[in-house]
Amino acid sequence: MSINYFCSGFDKKNAFFPLLGEQLKKDLKGTKSIVYIPRSNDQEKVKNTLMRFVPIFTEHFKNIGVVFDNVYSITPDMDYETAKKLVQESDMVMLMGGNPFKQQELYSSKGLTEVLQNYDGVILGFSSGAMNMSKYIIITPCSSEYPDFDIREGLNLSGISIYPHNNFEGDVFPLKVEAEGM
């Protein structure tokens, strides 16, 4: 059974504040490898994530004294067996932020839904990653990308459902609804 961390967002200067960093170190069984699951199944967005965010998070881990021997990422062009083996043999999986439905398409297309549900290590999800870890992915109207309510099944790693973001581009959603007469 996995140990799950549901995170809304992170400080770009220090993603793992001291207490979170100490708890992660306690919960990790080892540091042989980490597997990042990007925010999208789009090759260009994944490439951007691999070049930009994976090194940043790898450095954040290093700053709290967690150095993984191997750093892997699931990619759209990766075959099912490789993806499955990387996750099963890793000490930690990080579901990154972005679009939860695109991220779900990526890990589902690699046959990782059941693998993640039966994973025996630490899983950390930021934003959409945390949403995918939930029983249900709950989208409230919060931006032009997500103008409607949408609820879909998630990985259900702990029987809870969260939605870490519920703002609408600077507006408080319930007030926006009342103002627009919705």
C-alpha atoms as a PDB file:
ATOM      1  CA  MET A   1       0.000   0.000   0.000  1.00  0.00           C
ATOM      2  CA  SER A   2       1.341   3.411  -0.939  1.00  0.00           C
ATOM      3  CA  ILE A   3       1.987   6.364   1.320  1.00  0.00           C
ATOM      4  CA  ASN A   4       0.220   9.307  -0.302  1.00  0.00           C
ATOM      5  CA  TYR A   5       0.958  13.026  -0.280  1.00  0.00           C
ATOM      6  CA  PHE A   6      -1.723  15.289  -1.767  1.00  0.00           C
ATOM      7  CA  CYS A   7      -0.314  18.769  -2.419  1.00  0.00           C
ATOM      8  CA  SER A   8      -2.056  21.774  -3.919  1.00  0.00           C
ATOM      9  CA  GLY A   9       1.006  23.658  -5.061  1.00  0.00           C
ATOM     10  CA  PHE A  10       4.560  24.417  -4.060  1.00  0.00           C
ATOM     11  CA  ASP A  11       6.922  27.267  -3.319  1.00  0.00           C
ATOM     12  CA  LYS A  12       9.233  27.568  -6.304  1.00  0.00           C
ATOM     13  CA  LYS A  13      12.149  28.369  -3.983  1.00  0.00           C
ATOM     14  CA  ASN A  14      11.508  25.478  -1.592  1.00  0.00           C
ATOM     15  CA  ALA A  15       8.943  22.897  -2.694  1.00  0.00           C
ATOM     16  CA  PHE A  16       9.352  20.819   0.449  1.00  0.00           C
ATOM     17  CA  PHE A  17       9.113  23.029   3.497  1.00  0.00           C
ATOM     18  CA  PRO A  18      11.060  21.578   6.440  1.00  0.00           C
ATOM     19  CA  LEU A  19       8.277  19.498   7.996  1.00  0.00           C
ATOM     20  CA  LEU A  20       7.229  18.010   4.661  1.00  0.00           C
ATOM     21  CA  GLY A  21      10.848  17.266   3.794  1.00  0.00           C
ATOM     22  CA  GLU A  22      11.433  15.491   7.103  1.00  0.00           C
ATOM     23  CA  GLN A  23       8.263  13.433   6.731  1.00  0.00           C
ATOM     24  CA  LEU A  24       9.165  12.423   3.158  1.00  0.00           C
ATOM     25  CA  LYS A  25      12.567  11.236   4.358  1.00  0.00           C
ATOM     26  CA  LYS A  26      10.910   9.141   7.070  1.00  0.00           C
ATOM     27  CA  ASP A  27       8.431   7.575   4.658  1.00  0.00           C
ATOM     28  CA  LEU A  28      10.862   6.758   1.842  1.00  0.00           C
ATOM     29  CA  LYS A  29      12.093   3.166   2.046  1.00  0.00           C
ATOM     30  CA  GLY A  30      15.006   3.963  -0.233  1.00  0.00           C
ATOM     31  CA  THR A  31      16.348   6.358  -2.847  1.00  0.00           C
ATOM     32  CA  LYS A  32      17.141   3.979  -5.690  1.00  0.00           C
ATOM     33  CA  SER A  33      14.774   5.760  -8.077  1.00  0.00           C
ATOM     34  CA  ILE A  34      11.952   8.217  -8.568  1.00  0.00           C
ATOM     35  CA  VAL A  35       9.512   8.196 -11.462  1.00  0.00           C
ATOM     36  CA  TYR A  36       7.884  11.440 -12.574  1.00  0.00           C
ATOM     37  CA  ILE A  37       4.554  11.255 -14.371  1.00  0.00           C
ATOM     38  CA  PRO A  38       4.168  14.480 -16.370  1.00  0.00           C
ATOM     39  CA  ARG A  39       1.096  16.609 -16.734  1.00  0.00           C
ATOM     40  CA  SER A  40       0.238  15.641 -20.277  1.00  0.00           C
ATOM     41  CA  ASN A  41       0.395  13.015 -22.971  1.00  0.00           C
ATOM     42  CA  ASP A  42       1.455  15.642 -25.532  1.00  0.00           C
ATOM     43  CA  GLN A  43       5.068  15.012 -26.561  1.00  0.00           C
ATOM     44  CA  GLU A  44       6.011  18.729 -26.661  1.00  0.00           C
ATOM     45  CA  LYS A  45       4.541  19.439 -23.217  1.00  0.00           C
ATOM     46  CA  VAL A  46       6.270  16.367 -21.820  1.00  0.00           C
ATOM     47  CA  LYS A  47       9.564  17.510 -23.337  1.00  0.00           C
ATOM     48  CA  ASN A  48       9.123  20.912 -21.653  1.00  0.00           C
ATOM     49  CA  THR A  49       8.343  19.211 -18.337  1.00  0.00           C
ATOM     50  CA  LEU A  50      11.401  16.968 -18.602  1.00  0.00           C
ATOM     51  CA  MET A  51      13.707  19.861 -19.426  1.00  0.00           C
ATOM     52  CA  ARG A  52      12.250  22.402 -17.007  1.00  0.00           C
ATOM     53  CA  PHE A  53      10.400  20.896 -14.046  1.00  0.00           C
ATOM     54  CA  VAL A  54      12.058  17.520 -13.468  1.00  0.00           C
ATOM     55  CA  PRO A  55      15.471  19.149 -12.835  1.00  0.00           C
ATOM     56  CA  ILE A  56      13.846  21.722 -10.537  1.00  0.00           C
ATOM     57  CA  PHE A  57      12.127  19.055  -8.431  1.00  0.00           C
ATOM     58  CA  THR A  58      15.232  16.880  -8.432  1.00  0.00           C
ATOM     59  CA  GLU A  59      17.086  19.873  -6.969  1.00  0.00           C
ATOM     60  CA  HIS A  60      14.309  20.456  -4.403  1.00  0.00           C
ATOM     61  CA  PHE A  61      14.692  16.832  -3.279  1.00  0.00           C
ATOM     62  CA  LYS A  62      18.453  17.286  -3.062  1.00  0.00           C
ATOM     63  CA  ASN A  63      17.945  20.388  -0.895  1.00  0.00           C
ATOM     64  CA  ILE A  64      16.137  18.290   1.743  1.00  0.00           C
ATOM     65  CA  GLY A  65      18.778  15.567   1.626  1.00  0.00           C
ATOM     66  CA  VAL A  66      16.991  13.163  -0.724  1.00  0.00           C
ATOM     67  CA  VAL A  67      19.151  12.193  -3.690  1.00  0.00           C
ATOM     68  CA  PHE A  68      17.775   9.517  -5.986  1.00  0.00           C
ATOM     69  CA  ASP A  69      20.270   7.282  -7.769  1.00  0.00           C
ATOM     70  CA  ASN A  70      18.037   7.244 -10.858  1.00  0.00           C
ATOM     71  CA  VAL A  71      15.485   9.758 -12.134  1.00  0.00           C
ATOM     72  CA  TYR A  72      12.940   8.529 -14.671  1.00  0.00           C
ATOM     73  CA  SER A  73       9.888   9.984 -16.385  1.00  0.00           C
ATOM     74  CA  ILE A  74       6.981   8.287 -18.089  1.00  0.00           C
ATOM     75  CA  THR A  75       6.734   9.527 -21.677  1.00  0.00           C
ATOM     76  CA  PRO A  76       4.122   9.117 -24.411  1.00  0.00           C
ATOM     77  CA  ASP A  77       6.517   7.067 -26.556  1.00  0.00           C
ATOM     78  CA  MET A  78       7.442   4.662 -23.733  1.00  0.00           C
ATOM     79  CA  ASP A  79       6.219   1.075 -24.055  1.00  0.00           C
ATOM     80  CA  TYR A  80       3.884  -0.456 -21.467  1.00  0.00           C
ATOM     81  CA  GLU A  81       6.397  -2.925 -20.014  1.00  0.00           C
ATOM     82  CA  THR A  82       9.097  -0.301 -19.473  1.00  0.00           C
ATOM     83  CA  ALA A  83       6.642   2.088 -17.812  1.00  0.00           C
ATOM     84  CA  LYS A  84       5.264  -0.654 -15.579  1.00  0.00           C
ATOM     85  CA  LYS A  85       8.743  -1.838 -14.536  1.00  0.00           C
ATOM     86  CA  LEU A  86       9.956   1.703 -13.766  1.00  0.00           C
ATOM     87  CA  VAL A  87       6.999   2.371 -11.468  1.00  0.00           C
ATOM     88  CA  GLN A  88       7.053  -1.016  -9.749  1.00  0.00           C
ATOM     89  CA  GLU A  89      10.776  -0.799  -9.009  1.00  0.00           C
ATOM     90  CA  SER A  90      10.823   2.844  -7.881  1.00  0.00           C
ATOM     91  CA  ASP A  91      10.891   4.142  -4.330  1.00  0.00           C
ATOM     92  CA  MET A  92       8.767   7.162  -5.201  1.00  0.00           C
ATOM     93  CA  VAL A  93       6.323   8.283  -7.869  1.00  0.00           C
ATOM     94  CA  MET A  94       5.532  11.941  -8.403  1.00  0.00           C
ATOM     95  CA  LEU A  95       2.394  12.882 -10.292  1.00  0.00           C
ATOM     96  CA  MET A  96       3.144  16.383 -11.528  1.00  0.00           C
ATOM     97  CA  GLY A  97       0.787  19.330 -11.961  1.00  0.00           C
ATOM     98  CA  GLY A  98      -1.090  20.384 -15.089  1.00  0.00           C
ATOM     99  CA  ASN A  99      -4.224  19.051 -16.709  1.00  0.00           C
ATOM    100  CA  PRO A 100      -5.536  16.081 -14.686  1.00  0.00           C
ATOM    101  CA  PHE A 101      -7.342  14.529 -17.641  1.00  0.00           C
ATOM    102  CA  LYS A 102      -4.295  14.699 -19.911  1.00  0.00           C
ATOM    103  CA  GLN A 103      -2.138  13.227 -17.160  1.00  0.00           C
ATOM    104  CA  GLN A 104      -4.691  10.458 -16.653  1.00  0.00           C
ATOM    105  CA  GLU A 105      -4.595   9.728 -20.395  1.00  0.00           C
ATOM    106  CA  LEU A 106      -0.808   9.368 -20.186  1.00  0.00           C
ATOM    107  CA  TYR A 107      -0.651   6.922 -17.282  1.00  0.00           C
ATOM    108  CA  SER A 108      -3.730   5.022 -18.489  1.00  0.00           C
ATOM    109  CA  SER A 109      -2.261   4.630 -21.971  1.00  0.00           C
ATOM    110  CA  LYS A 110       0.777   2.974 -20.381  1.00  0.00           C
ATOM    111  CA  GLY A 111      -1.359   0.535 -18.380  1.00  0.00           C
ATOM    112  CA  LEU A 112      -0.345   2.175 -15.108  1.00  0.00           C
ATOM    113  CA  THR A 113      -3.732   2.677 -13.447  1.00  0.00           C
ATOM    114  CA  GLU A 114      -3.710  -0.661 -11.625  1.00  0.00           C
ATOM    115  CA  VAL A 115       0.051  -0.492 -11.071  1.00  0.00           C
ATOM    116  CA  LEU A 116      -0.346   2.856  -9.280  1.00  0.00           C
ATOM    117  CA  GLN A 117      -3.340   1.601  -7.303  1.00  0.00           C
ATOM    118  CA  ASN A 118      -1.232  -1.307  -6.017  1.00  0.00           C
ATOM    119  CA  TYR A 119       2.038   0.592  -5.654  1.00  0.00           C
ATOM    120  CA  ASP A 120       4.078   0.020  -2.479  1.00  0.00           C
ATOM    121  CA  GLY A 121       6.062   3.217  -2.050  1.00  0.00           C
ATOM    122  CA  VAL A 122       5.594   6.958  -1.697  1.00  0.00           C
ATOM    123  CA  ILE A 123       3.323   8.765  -4.156  1.00  0.00           C
ATOM    124  CA  LEU A 124       3.340  12.547  -4.156  1.00  0.00           C
ATOM    125  CA  GLY A 125       0.875  14.485  -6.281  1.00  0.00           C
ATOM    126  CA  PHE A 126       0.954  18.204  -6.950  1.00  0.00           C
ATOM    127  CA  SER A 127      -2.244  19.874  -8.165  1.00  0.00           C
ATOM    128  CA  SER A 128      -3.546  17.661 -10.984  1.00  0.00           C
ATOM    129  CA  GLY A 129      -1.417  14.835  -9.645  1.00  0.00           C
ATOM    130  CA  ALA A 130      -3.197  15.113  -6.287  1.00  0.00           C
ATOM    131  CA  MET A 131      -6.514  15.229  -8.121  1.00  0.00           C
ATOM    132  CA  ASN A 132      -5.650  12.036 -10.004  1.00  0.00           C
ATOM    133  CA  MET A 133      -4.766  10.329  -6.717  1.00  0.00           C
ATOM    134  CA  SER A 134      -8.283  11.108  -5.438  1.00  0.00           C
ATOM    135  CA  LYS A 135     -11.355   8.908  -5.591  1.00  0.00           C
ATOM    136  CA  TYR A 136     -12.861  11.416  -8.007  1.00  0.00           C
ATOM    137  CA  ILE A 137     -11.224  14.121 -10.068  1.00  0.00           C
ATOM    138  CA  ILE A 138     -13.403  17.129  -9.340  1.00  0.00           C
ATOM    139  CA  ILE A 139     -13.159  20.125 -11.625  1.00  0.00           C
ATOM    140  CA  THR A 140     -15.043  23.245 -10.670  1.00  0.00           C
ATOM    141  CA  PRO A 141     -15.286  26.130 -13.122  1.00  0.00           C
ATOM    142  CA  CYS A 142     -11.998  27.876 -12.418  1.00  0.00           C
ATOM    143  CA  SER A 143     -10.585  29.159 -15.704  1.00  0.00           C
ATOM    144  CA  SER A 144     -11.183  29.350 -19.420  1.00  0.00           C
ATOM    145  CA  GLU A 145      -9.530  25.907 -19.655  1.00  0.00           C
ATOM    146  CA  TYR A 146     -12.064  24.508 -17.161  1.00  0.00           C
ATOM    147  CA  PRO A 147     -15.306  26.479 -17.663  1.00  0.00           C
ATOM    148  CA  ASP A 148     -17.621  23.662 -16.523  1.00  0.00           C
ATOM    149  CA  PHE A 149     -18.068  21.247 -13.655  1.00  0.00           C
ATOM    150  CA  ASP A 150     -16.586  17.843 -14.443  1.00  0.00           C
ATOM    151  CA  ILE A 151     -16.288  14.801 -12.189  1.00  0.00           C
ATOM    152  CA  ARG A 152     -14.454  11.643 -13.272  1.00  0.00           C
ATOM    153  CA  GLU A 153     -12.987   8.643 -11.499  1.00  0.00           C
ATOM    154  CA  GLY A 154      -9.442   8.984 -10.210  1.00  0.00           C
ATOM    155  CA  LEU A 155      -7.009   6.408  -8.878  1.00  0.00           C
ATOM    156  CA  ASN A 156      -8.812   6.281  -5.503  1.00  0.00           C
ATOM    157  CA  LEU A 157      -5.621   5.805  -3.508  1.00  0.00           C
ATOM    158  CA  SER A 158      -7.199   6.792  -0.196  1.00  0.00           C
ATOM    159  CA  GLY A 159     -10.971   7.041  -0.619  1.00  0.00           C
ATOM    160  CA  ILE A 160     -10.986  10.847  -0.531  1.00  0.00           C
ATOM    161  CA  SER A 161     -11.624  13.413  -3.232  1.00  0.00           C
ATOM    162  CA  ILE A 162      -9.962  16.800  -3.307  1.00  0.00           C
ATOM    163  CA  TYR A 163      -9.967  19.744  -5.622  1.00  0.00           C
ATOM    164  CA  PRO A 164      -6.966  21.897  -4.856  1.00  0.00           C
ATOM    165  CA  HIS A 165      -7.919  24.911  -6.954  1.00  0.00           C
ATOM    166  CA  ASN A 166     -11.314  26.526  -6.992  1.00  0.00           C
ATOM    167  CA  ASN A 167     -10.717  30.055  -8.165  1.00  0.00           C
ATOM    168  CA  PHE A 168     -11.677  31.642 -11.484  1.00  0.00           C
ATOM    169  CA  GLU A 169      -8.837  33.805 -12.776  1.00  0.00           C
ATOM    170  CA  GLY A 170      -8.965  36.208  -9.844  1.00  0.00           C
ATOM    171  CA  ASP A 171     -12.704  35.907  -9.243  1.00  0.00           C
ATOM    172  CA  VAL A 172     -14.310  33.976  -6.438  1.00  0.00           C
ATOM    173  CA  PHE A 173     -16.463  31.460  -8.296  1.00  0.00           C
ATOM    174  CA  PRO A 174     -19.705  31.614  -6.244  1.00  0.00           C
ATOM    175  CA  LEU A 175     -19.696  35.421  -6.502  1.00  0.00           C
ATOM    176  CA  LYS A 176     -19.063  35.199 -10.230  1.00  0.00           C
ATOM    177  CA  VAL A 177     -22.044  32.859 -10.664  1.00  0.00           C
ATOM    178  CA  GLU A 178     -24.342  35.220  -8.754  1.00  0.00           C
ATOM    179  CA  ALA A 179     -23.055  38.257 -10.680  1.00  0.00           C
ATOM    180  CA  GLU A 180     -23.663  36.572 -14.025  1.00  0.00           C
ATOM    181  CA  GLY A 181     -27.030  35.177 -12.974  1.00  0.00           C
ATOM    182  CA  MET A 182     -26.013  31.553 -13.521  1.00  0.00           C
END
